[in-house]
Amino acid sequence: MTDFALIVGSGFERLGFPVLTRSPTKTPYGEPSSAVLTLAIGAARVPCIARHGEPHALAPHEINYRANVWALEQRGVRTCVGINTVGAIDAAFLPGELAVPDQLIDYTHGRVATFAGSGAPVRHIEFAEPFSPVLCGRLAAAAADCGFTVRRGTYGVTQGPRLETAAEIARLKRDGCAMVGMTAMPEAALARELGLDYAICAVAVNHAAGRSPDGVPIMAEIERFTEAGMRKVRVVLERLVAEQAGAM
């Protein structure tokens, strides 16, 4: 199943899908974060890139987003799901729950965010809906069918690698963000430039800074909820991939 792929961030190793092959890849934009991995998900074979590398070593601003997206597109991928961990800003969004964001606000800076330039044609992509509505719907439906609560809303993309201040989170909340993470951009825009259907399945692993109702340290929450959240993501991906394979 080569037209469907994953880009998996923090928690990749906790998904637990067997890695059948590792294919080192070079692109015009350098090397991707990892070899292109072939994961066994049920009966399907799914291309995947470990966003932060194998092992986890790349900070969000160090990721070669262009090479990651290009490497998958060149293998015939047309649909891509990003797996992201986020902090929950919305009071109704609890650590351990899943989200399929439908909007984003980009607060990052200094990242190479386009394939245009250096002689490549400039494409003014339409980006009012940064994620594929159809793919978002399929992701949310798969999660709901598995019995999981699924949140929607706006993903605020911060620079990292540090976590945010309480004042920064208060600003993101005023801006309308329901969750905060560090890697949705420029990944989403680059996928759009290459014509890929792209969506994110996010797992909340902590309350964002200043949002915890009981004052639990953020790092303690992250350790606790990453494991549990990735177990849910695994179940959702197994269902989504089975549906994708059945539709082919």
C-alpha atoms as a PDB file:
ATOM      1  CA  MET A   1       0.000   0.000   0.000  1.00  0.00           C
ATOM      2  CA  THR A   2       2.303   2.743  -1.271  1.00  0.00           C
ATOM      3  CA  ASP A   3      -0.138   5.609  -1.825  1.00  0.00           C
ATOM      4  CA  PHE A   4      -0.768   6.042   1.937  1.00  0.00           C
ATOM      5  CA  ALA A   5       1.980   7.042   4.366  1.00  0.00           C
ATOM      6  CA  LEU A   6       2.685   8.249   7.882  1.00  0.00           C
ATOM      7  CA  ILE A   7       4.991  10.868   9.338  1.00  0.00           C
ATOM      8  CA  VAL A   8       5.295  10.056  13.024  1.00  0.00           C
ATOM      9  CA  GLY A   9       6.709  12.393  15.636  1.00  0.00           C
ATOM     10  CA  SER A  10       7.379  11.977  19.347  1.00  0.00           C
ATOM     11  CA  GLY A  11       6.267   8.576  20.577  1.00  0.00           C
ATOM     12  CA  PHE A  12       7.128   6.793  17.315  1.00  0.00           C
ATOM     13  CA  GLU A  13       8.795   3.878  19.091  1.00  0.00           C
ATOM     14  CA  ARG A  14       5.728   3.455  21.322  1.00  0.00           C
ATOM     15  CA  LEU A  15       3.419   2.744  18.398  1.00  0.00           C
ATOM     16  CA  GLY A  16       4.989  -0.679  18.221  1.00  0.00           C
ATOM     17  CA  PHE A  17       4.391  -1.454  14.547  1.00  0.00           C
ATOM     18  CA  PRO A  18       7.039  -3.833  13.165  1.00  0.00           C
ATOM     19  CA  VAL A  19       9.560  -2.161  10.847  1.00  0.00           C
ATOM     20  CA  LEU A  20      10.029  -4.486   7.883  1.00  0.00           C
ATOM     21  CA  THR A  21      12.503  -2.432   5.850  1.00  0.00           C
ATOM     22  CA  ARG A  22      14.540   0.752   6.080  1.00  0.00           C
ATOM     23  CA  SER A  23      15.304   2.446   2.756  1.00  0.00           C
ATOM     24  CA  PRO A  24      17.872   5.268   3.007  1.00  0.00           C
ATOM     25  CA  THR A  25      16.749   8.045   0.678  1.00  0.00           C
ATOM     26  CA  LYS A  26      18.301  11.167  -0.791  1.00  0.00           C
ATOM     27  CA  THR A  27      16.298  14.067  -2.188  1.00  0.00           C
ATOM     28  CA  PRO A  28      17.149  17.374  -3.890  1.00  0.00           C
ATOM     29  CA  TYR A  29      16.633  18.889  -0.427  1.00  0.00           C
ATOM     30  CA  GLY A  30      18.961  16.594   1.475  1.00  0.00           C
ATOM     31  CA  GLU A  31      18.230  13.520   3.525  1.00  0.00           C
ATOM     32  CA  PRO A  32      14.909  12.938   5.308  1.00  0.00           C
ATOM     33  CA  SER A  33      14.761  12.678   9.079  1.00  0.00           C
ATOM     34  CA  SER A  34      14.977   8.906   8.792  1.00  0.00           C
ATOM     35  CA  ALA A  35      15.136   6.226   6.178  1.00  0.00           C
ATOM     36  CA  VAL A  36      11.781   5.555   4.577  1.00  0.00           C
ATOM     37  CA  LEU A  37      10.478   2.798   6.811  1.00  0.00           C
ATOM     38  CA  THR A  38       8.019   0.112   5.805  1.00  0.00           C
ATOM     39  CA  LEU A  39       5.666  -0.605   8.697  1.00  0.00           C
ATOM     40  CA  ALA A  40       3.507  -3.691   9.008  1.00  0.00           C
ATOM     41  CA  ILE A  41       0.046  -2.457   9.978  1.00  0.00           C
ATOM     42  CA  GLY A  42      -2.243  -5.445   9.864  1.00  0.00           C
ATOM     43  CA  ALA A  43      -1.860  -6.969   6.424  1.00  0.00           C
ATOM     44  CA  ALA A  44      -0.773  -3.655   4.894  1.00  0.00           C
ATOM     45  CA  ARG A  45       2.726  -2.344   4.283  1.00  0.00           C
ATOM     46  CA  VAL A  46       2.828   1.380   4.971  1.00  0.00           C
ATOM     47  CA  PRO A  47       5.682   3.819   4.209  1.00  0.00           C
ATOM     48  CA  CYS A  48       6.642   5.958   7.173  1.00  0.00           C
ATOM     49  CA  ILE A  49       9.189   8.570   8.207  1.00  0.00           C
ATOM     50  CA  ALA A  50      10.208   9.099  11.826  1.00  0.00           C
ATOM     51  CA  ARG A  51       9.933  12.888  11.992  1.00  0.00           C
ATOM     52  CA  HIS A  52      12.530  13.356  14.720  1.00  0.00           C
ATOM     53  CA  GLY A  53      14.840  10.618  13.438  1.00  0.00           C
ATOM     54  CA  GLU A  54      15.836   7.198  14.701  1.00  0.00           C
ATOM     55  CA  PRO A  55      16.577   7.578  17.553  1.00  0.00           C
ATOM     56  CA  HIS A  56      14.680  10.763  18.465  1.00  0.00           C
ATOM     57  CA  ALA A  57      17.404  13.397  17.964  1.00  0.00           C
ATOM     58  CA  LEU A  58      16.057  16.233  15.790  1.00  0.00           C
ATOM     59  CA  ALA A  59      14.508  19.298  17.405  1.00  0.00           C
ATOM     60  CA  PRO A  60      11.421  20.694  15.643  1.00  0.00           C
ATOM     61  CA  HIS A  61      13.386  23.489  13.930  1.00  0.00           C
ATOM     62  CA  GLU A  62      16.061  21.012  12.745  1.00  0.00           C
ATOM     63  CA  ILE A  63      13.686  18.700  10.881  1.00  0.00           C
ATOM     64  CA  ASN A  64      14.143  18.592   7.112  1.00  0.00           C
ATOM     65  CA  TYR A  65      10.442  18.922   6.381  1.00  0.00           C
ATOM     66  CA  ARG A  66      10.982  19.338   2.630  1.00  0.00           C
ATOM     67  CA  ALA A  67      12.995  16.141   2.319  1.00  0.00           C
ATOM     68  CA  ASN A  68      10.467  14.196   4.395  1.00  0.00           C
ATOM     69  CA  VAL A  69       7.482  15.184   2.271  1.00  0.00           C
ATOM     70  CA  TRP A  70       9.383  14.930  -1.017  1.00  0.00           C
ATOM     71  CA  ALA A  71      10.683  11.432  -0.226  1.00  0.00           C
ATOM     72  CA  LEU A  72       7.164  10.141   0.347  1.00  0.00           C
ATOM     73  CA  GLU A  73       5.650  11.870  -2.688  1.00  0.00           C
ATOM     74  CA  GLN A  74       8.361  10.407  -4.921  1.00  0.00           C
ATOM     75  CA  ARG A  75       7.366   6.933  -3.745  1.00  0.00           C
ATOM     76  CA  GLY A  76       3.830   7.479  -5.048  1.00  0.00           C
ATOM     77  CA  VAL A  77       2.239   8.606  -1.801  1.00  0.00           C
ATOM     78  CA  ARG A  78      -0.942  10.645  -2.290  1.00  0.00           C
ATOM     79  CA  THR A  79      -2.369  10.535   1.247  1.00  0.00           C
ATOM     80  CA  CYS A  80      -0.345  11.275   4.365  1.00  0.00           C
ATOM     81  CA  VAL A  81      -1.274  11.295   8.049  1.00  0.00           C
ATOM     82  CA  GLY A  82       0.939  13.081  10.539  1.00  0.00           C
ATOM     83  CA  ILE A  83       1.057  11.754  14.092  1.00  0.00           C
ATOM     84  CA  ASN A  84       1.738  14.554  16.577  1.00  0.00           C
ATOM     85  CA  THR A  85       1.799  15.026  20.332  1.00  0.00           C
ATOM     86  CA  VAL A  86       0.267  18.269  21.580  1.00  0.00           C
ATOM     87  CA  GLY A  87      -0.500  20.215  24.715  1.00  0.00           C
ATOM     88  CA  ALA A  88      -4.168  20.764  25.499  1.00  0.00           C
ATOM     89  CA  ILE A  89      -5.280  24.398  25.724  1.00  0.00           C
ATOM     90  CA  ASP A  90      -9.060  23.989  25.542  1.00  0.00           C
ATOM     91  CA  ALA A  91     -10.373  23.113  29.007  1.00  0.00           C
ATOM     92  CA  ALA A  92     -12.526  20.341  27.530  1.00  0.00           C
ATOM     93  CA  PHE A  93      -9.509  18.684  25.883  1.00  0.00           C
ATOM     94  CA  LEU A  94      -7.893  16.302  28.365  1.00  0.00           C
ATOM     95  CA  PRO A  95      -4.473  14.639  28.311  1.00  0.00           C
ATOM     96  CA  GLY A  96      -4.744  11.189  26.796  1.00  0.00           C
ATOM     97  CA  GLU A  97      -7.480  12.212  24.364  1.00  0.00           C
ATOM     98  CA  LEU A  98      -7.120  12.359  20.594  1.00  0.00           C
ATOM     99  CA  ALA A  99      -7.671  15.306  18.292  1.00  0.00           C
ATOM    100  CA  VAL A 100      -7.994  15.840  14.562  1.00  0.00           C
ATOM    101  CA  PRO A 101      -7.245  19.541  14.074  1.00  0.00           C
ATOM    102  CA  ASP A 102      -9.115  21.351  11.329  1.00  0.00           C
ATOM    103  CA  GLN A 103      -7.202  24.642  11.390  1.00  0.00           C
ATOM    104  CA  LEU A 104      -3.779  25.942  12.357  1.00  0.00           C
ATOM    105  CA  ILE A 105      -1.965  29.154  13.221  1.00  0.00           C
ATOM    106  CA  ASP A 106       1.749  29.234  12.475  1.00  0.00           C
ATOM    107  CA  TYR A 107       3.898  30.969  15.109  1.00  0.00           C
ATOM    108  CA  THR A 108       7.183  29.470  13.906  1.00  0.00           C
ATOM    109  CA  HIS A 109      10.061  31.394  12.366  1.00  0.00           C
ATOM    110  CA  GLY A 110      13.153  30.670  10.321  1.00  0.00           C
ATOM    111  CA  ARG A 111      12.018  27.330   8.925  1.00  0.00           C
ATOM    112  CA  VAL A 112      12.320  26.567   5.216  1.00  0.00           C
ATOM    113  CA  ALA A 113       8.626  26.489   4.434  1.00  0.00           C
ATOM    114  CA  THR A 114       8.293  26.043   0.660  1.00  0.00           C
ATOM    115  CA  PHE A 115       9.680  24.162  -2.305  1.00  0.00           C
ATOM    116  CA  ALA A 116       9.658  27.440  -4.265  1.00  0.00           C
ATOM    117  CA  GLY A 117      12.831  29.425  -4.836  1.00  0.00           C
ATOM    118  CA  SER A 118      16.276  28.690  -6.277  1.00  0.00           C
ATOM    119  CA  GLY A 119      14.729  28.435  -9.735  1.00  0.00           C
ATOM    120  CA  ALA A 120      11.765  26.291  -8.718  1.00  0.00           C
ATOM    121  CA  PRO A 121       8.377  27.674  -9.768  1.00  0.00           C
ATOM    122  CA  VAL A 122       6.410  29.730  -7.267  1.00  0.00           C
ATOM    123  CA  ARG A 123       3.031  28.201  -6.465  1.00  0.00           C
ATOM    124  CA  HIS A 124       0.564  30.248  -4.450  1.00  0.00           C
ATOM    125  CA  ILE A 125      -1.250  27.312  -2.883  1.00  0.00           C
ATOM    126  CA  GLU A 126      -4.795  27.672  -1.596  1.00  0.00           C
ATOM    127  CA  PHE A 127      -4.507  27.099   2.153  1.00  0.00           C
ATOM    128  CA  ALA A 128      -7.751  28.315   3.708  1.00  0.00           C
ATOM    129  CA  GLU A 129      -8.320  24.713   4.814  1.00  0.00           C
ATOM    130  CA  PRO A 130      -4.805  23.529   5.745  1.00  0.00           C
ATOM    131  CA  PHE A 131      -5.890  19.930   6.269  1.00  0.00           C
ATOM    132  CA  SER A 132      -7.863  17.714   3.898  1.00  0.00           C
ATOM    133  CA  PRO A 133     -11.482  17.855   5.135  1.00  0.00           C
ATOM    134  CA  VAL A 134     -12.190  14.397   3.721  1.00  0.00           C
ATOM    135  CA  LEU A 135      -9.162  12.822   5.384  1.00  0.00           C
ATOM    136  CA  CYS A 136      -9.900  14.639   8.639  1.00  0.00           C
ATOM    137  CA  GLY A 137     -13.404  13.222   8.547  1.00  0.00           C
ATOM    138  CA  ARG A 138     -12.124   9.709   7.957  1.00  0.00           C
ATOM    139  CA  LEU A 139      -9.623  10.012  10.805  1.00  0.00           C
ATOM    140  CA  ALA A 140     -12.213  11.361  13.221  1.00  0.00           C
ATOM    141  CA  ALA A 141     -14.711   8.672  12.210  1.00  0.00           C
ATOM    142  CA  ALA A 142     -12.127   5.910  12.664  1.00  0.00           C
ATOM    143  CA  ALA A 143     -11.267   7.190  16.143  1.00  0.00           C
ATOM    144  CA  ALA A 144     -14.927   7.506  17.115  1.00  0.00           C
ATOM    145  CA  ASP A 145     -15.648   4.015  15.789  1.00  0.00           C
ATOM    146  CA  CYS A 146     -12.893   2.755  18.093  1.00  0.00           C
ATOM    147  CA  GLY A 147     -14.739   4.308  21.022  1.00  0.00           C
ATOM    148  CA  PHE A 148     -12.389   7.240  21.572  1.00  0.00           C
ATOM    149  CA  THR A 149     -13.262  10.856  22.275  1.00  0.00           C
ATOM    150  CA  VAL A 150     -12.070  12.995  19.356  1.00  0.00           C
ATOM    151  CA  ARG A 151     -11.511  16.720  19.694  1.00  0.00           C
ATOM    152  CA  ARG A 152     -11.391  19.195  16.825  1.00  0.00           C
ATOM    153  CA  GLY A 153     -10.106  22.740  16.671  1.00  0.00           C
ATOM    154  CA  THR A 154      -7.129  24.918  15.834  1.00  0.00           C
ATOM    155  CA  TYR A 155      -3.538  23.752  16.272  1.00  0.00           C
ATOM    156  CA  GLY A 156      -1.113  26.507  17.291  1.00  0.00           C
ATOM    157  CA  VAL A 157       2.366  25.734  15.941  1.00  0.00           C
ATOM    158  CA  THR A 158       5.194  27.076  18.103  1.00  0.00           C
ATOM    159  CA  GLN A 159       8.923  27.100  17.476  1.00  0.00           C
ATOM    160  CA  GLY A 160      10.191  24.838  20.254  1.00  0.00           C
ATOM    161  CA  PRO A 161      12.056  22.940  21.400  1.00  0.00           C
ATOM    162  CA  ARG A 162      11.253  24.599  24.719  1.00  0.00           C
ATOM    163  CA  LEU A 163       7.708  24.459  25.983  1.00  0.00           C
ATOM    164  CA  GLU A 164       5.667  27.647  26.080  1.00  0.00           C
ATOM    165  CA  THR A 165       5.257  30.157  28.882  1.00  0.00           C
ATOM    166  CA  ALA A 166       1.896  30.505  30.589  1.00  0.00           C
ATOM    167  CA  ALA A 167       1.547  33.949  28.998  1.00  0.00           C
ATOM    168  CA  GLU A 168       2.195  32.514  25.543  1.00  0.00           C
ATOM    169  CA  ILE A 169      -0.463  29.864  26.082  1.00  0.00           C
ATOM    170  CA  ALA A 170      -2.887  32.557  27.254  1.00  0.00           C
ATOM    171  CA  ARG A 171      -2.225  34.371  23.980  1.00  0.00           C
ATOM    172  CA  LEU A 172      -2.789  31.211  21.939  1.00  0.00           C
ATOM    173  CA  LYS A 173      -6.078  30.661  23.749  1.00  0.00           C
ATOM    174  CA  ARG A 174      -7.165  34.220  22.919  1.00  0.00           C
ATOM    175  CA  ASP A 175      -6.207  33.525  19.310  1.00  0.00           C
ATOM    176  CA  GLY A 176      -8.556  30.546  19.293  1.00  0.00           C
ATOM    177  CA  CYS A 177      -6.090  27.650  19.564  1.00  0.00           C
ATOM    178  CA  ALA A 178      -7.389  24.461  21.170  1.00  0.00           C
ATOM    179  CA  MET A 179      -3.999  22.741  21.215  1.00  0.00           C
ATOM    180  CA  VAL A 180      -0.313  23.550  20.827  1.00  0.00           C
ATOM    181  CA  GLY A 181       2.476  21.626  19.131  1.00  0.00           C
ATOM    182  CA  MET A 182       5.693  22.268  17.241  1.00  0.00           C
ATOM    183  CA  THR A 183       5.683  20.334  13.969  1.00  0.00           C
ATOM    184  CA  ALA A 184       2.474  20.823  11.966  1.00  0.00           C
ATOM    185  CA  MET A 185       4.187  23.564   9.981  1.00  0.00           C
ATOM    186  CA  PRO A 186       5.669  23.691   7.472  1.00  0.00           C
ATOM    187  CA  GLU A 187       4.751  20.024   7.014  1.00  0.00           C
ATOM    188  CA  ALA A 188       1.116  20.753   6.158  1.00  0.00           C
ATOM    189  CA  ALA A 189       1.972  23.478   3.640  1.00  0.00           C
ATOM    190  CA  LEU A 190       4.654  21.395   1.939  1.00  0.00           C
ATOM    191  CA  ALA A 191       2.247  18.485   1.590  1.00  0.00           C
ATOM    192  CA  ARG A 192      -0.242  20.856  -0.033  1.00  0.00           C
ATOM    193  CA  GLU A 193       2.414  22.148  -2.449  1.00  0.00           C
ATOM    194  CA  LEU A 194       2.994  18.589  -3.666  1.00  0.00           C
ATOM    195  CA  GLY A 195      -0.720  17.863  -3.899  1.00  0.00           C
ATOM    196  CA  LEU A 196      -0.938  15.385  -1.031  1.00  0.00           C
ATOM    197  CA  ASP A 197      -4.054  14.889   1.062  1.00  0.00           C
ATOM    198  CA  TYR A 198      -2.766  15.564   4.568  1.00  0.00           C
ATOM    199  CA  ALA A 199      -4.259  15.466   8.043  1.00  0.00           C
ATOM    200  CA  ILE A 200      -3.059  15.088  11.613  1.00  0.00           C
ATOM    201  CA  CYS A 201      -4.010  12.638  14.323  1.00  0.00           C
ATOM    202  CA  ALA A 202      -2.820  14.304  17.524  1.00  0.00           C
ATOM    203  CA  VAL A 203      -2.671  12.983  21.052  1.00  0.00           C
ATOM    204  CA  ALA A 204      -2.748  15.371  23.995  1.00  0.00           C
ATOM    205  CA  VAL A 205       0.079  14.408  26.334  1.00  0.00           C
ATOM    206  CA  ASN A 206      -0.158  17.336  28.760  1.00  0.00           C
ATOM    207  CA  HIS A 207      -2.111  20.391  29.789  1.00  0.00           C
ATOM    208  CA  ALA A 208      -0.433  23.401  28.167  1.00  0.00           C
ATOM    209  CA  ALA A 209       1.478  25.762  30.466  1.00  0.00           C
ATOM    210  CA  GLY A 210      -0.777  27.355  33.057  1.00  0.00           C
ATOM    211  CA  ARG A 211      -3.773  25.187  32.103  1.00  0.00           C
ATOM    212  CA  SER A 212      -3.414  22.260  34.524  1.00  0.00           C
ATOM    213  CA  PRO A 213      -6.268  22.332  37.053  1.00  0.00           C
ATOM    214  CA  ASP A 214      -4.253  20.502  39.713  1.00  0.00           C
ATOM    215  CA  GLY A 215      -0.739  21.785  39.124  1.00  0.00           C
ATOM    216  CA  VAL A 216       0.758  18.477  37.967  1.00  0.00           C
ATOM    217  CA  PRO A 217       4.214  19.127  36.423  1.00  0.00           C
ATOM    218  CA  ILE A 218       4.080  19.116  32.632  1.00  0.00           C
ATOM    219  CA  MET A 219       6.916  16.620  32.167  1.00  0.00           C
ATOM    220  CA  ALA A 220       5.211  14.148  34.503  1.00  0.00           C
ATOM    221  CA  GLU A 221       2.046  14.402  32.404  1.00  0.00           C
ATOM    222  CA  ILE A 222       3.980  13.923  29.170  1.00  0.00           C
ATOM    223  CA  GLU A 223       5.600  10.727  30.421  1.00  0.00           C
ATOM    224  CA  ARG A 224       2.280   9.372  31.668  1.00  0.00           C
ATOM    225  CA  PHE A 225       0.071  10.184  28.716  1.00  0.00           C
ATOM    226  CA  THR A 226       2.387   9.571  25.748  1.00  0.00           C
ATOM    227  CA  GLU A 227       2.294   5.817  26.318  1.00  0.00           C
ATOM    228  CA  ALA A 228      -1.482   5.677  26.764  1.00  0.00           C
ATOM    229  CA  GLY A 229      -2.143   8.054  23.892  1.00  0.00           C
ATOM    230  CA  MET A 230       0.014   6.148  21.442  1.00  0.00           C
ATOM    231  CA  ARG A 231      -1.865   2.951  22.240  1.00  0.00           C
ATOM    232  CA  LYS A 232      -5.017   4.727  21.073  1.00  0.00           C
ATOM    233  CA  VAL A 233      -3.282   6.036  17.950  1.00  0.00           C
ATOM    234  CA  ARG A 234      -2.190   2.506  17.099  1.00  0.00           C
ATOM    235  CA  VAL A 235      -5.768   1.230  17.249  1.00  0.00           C
ATOM    236  CA  VAL A 236      -7.022   4.121  15.110  1.00  0.00           C
ATOM    237  CA  LEU A 237      -4.315   3.589  12.496  1.00  0.00           C
ATOM    238  CA  GLU A 238      -5.059  -0.121  12.293  1.00  0.00           C
ATOM    239  CA  ARG A 239      -8.687   0.699  11.548  1.00  0.00           C
ATOM    240  CA  LEU A 240      -7.898   3.529   9.117  1.00  0.00           C
ATOM    241  CA  VAL A 241      -5.334   1.487   7.194  1.00  0.00           C
ATOM    242  CA  ALA A 242      -7.721  -1.461   6.921  1.00  0.00           C
ATOM    243  CA  GLU A 243     -10.389   0.876   5.541  1.00  0.00           C
ATOM    244  CA  GLN A 244      -7.870   2.457   3.157  1.00  0.00           C
ATOM    245  CA  ALA A 245      -6.768  -0.939   1.885  1.00  0.00           C
ATOM    246  CA  GLY A 246     -10.380  -2.035   1.428  1.00  0.00           C
ATOM    247  CA  ALA A 247     -11.144   1.037  -0.668  1.00  0.00           C
ATOM    248  CA  MET A 248      -8.328   0.356  -3.116  1.00  0.00           C
END
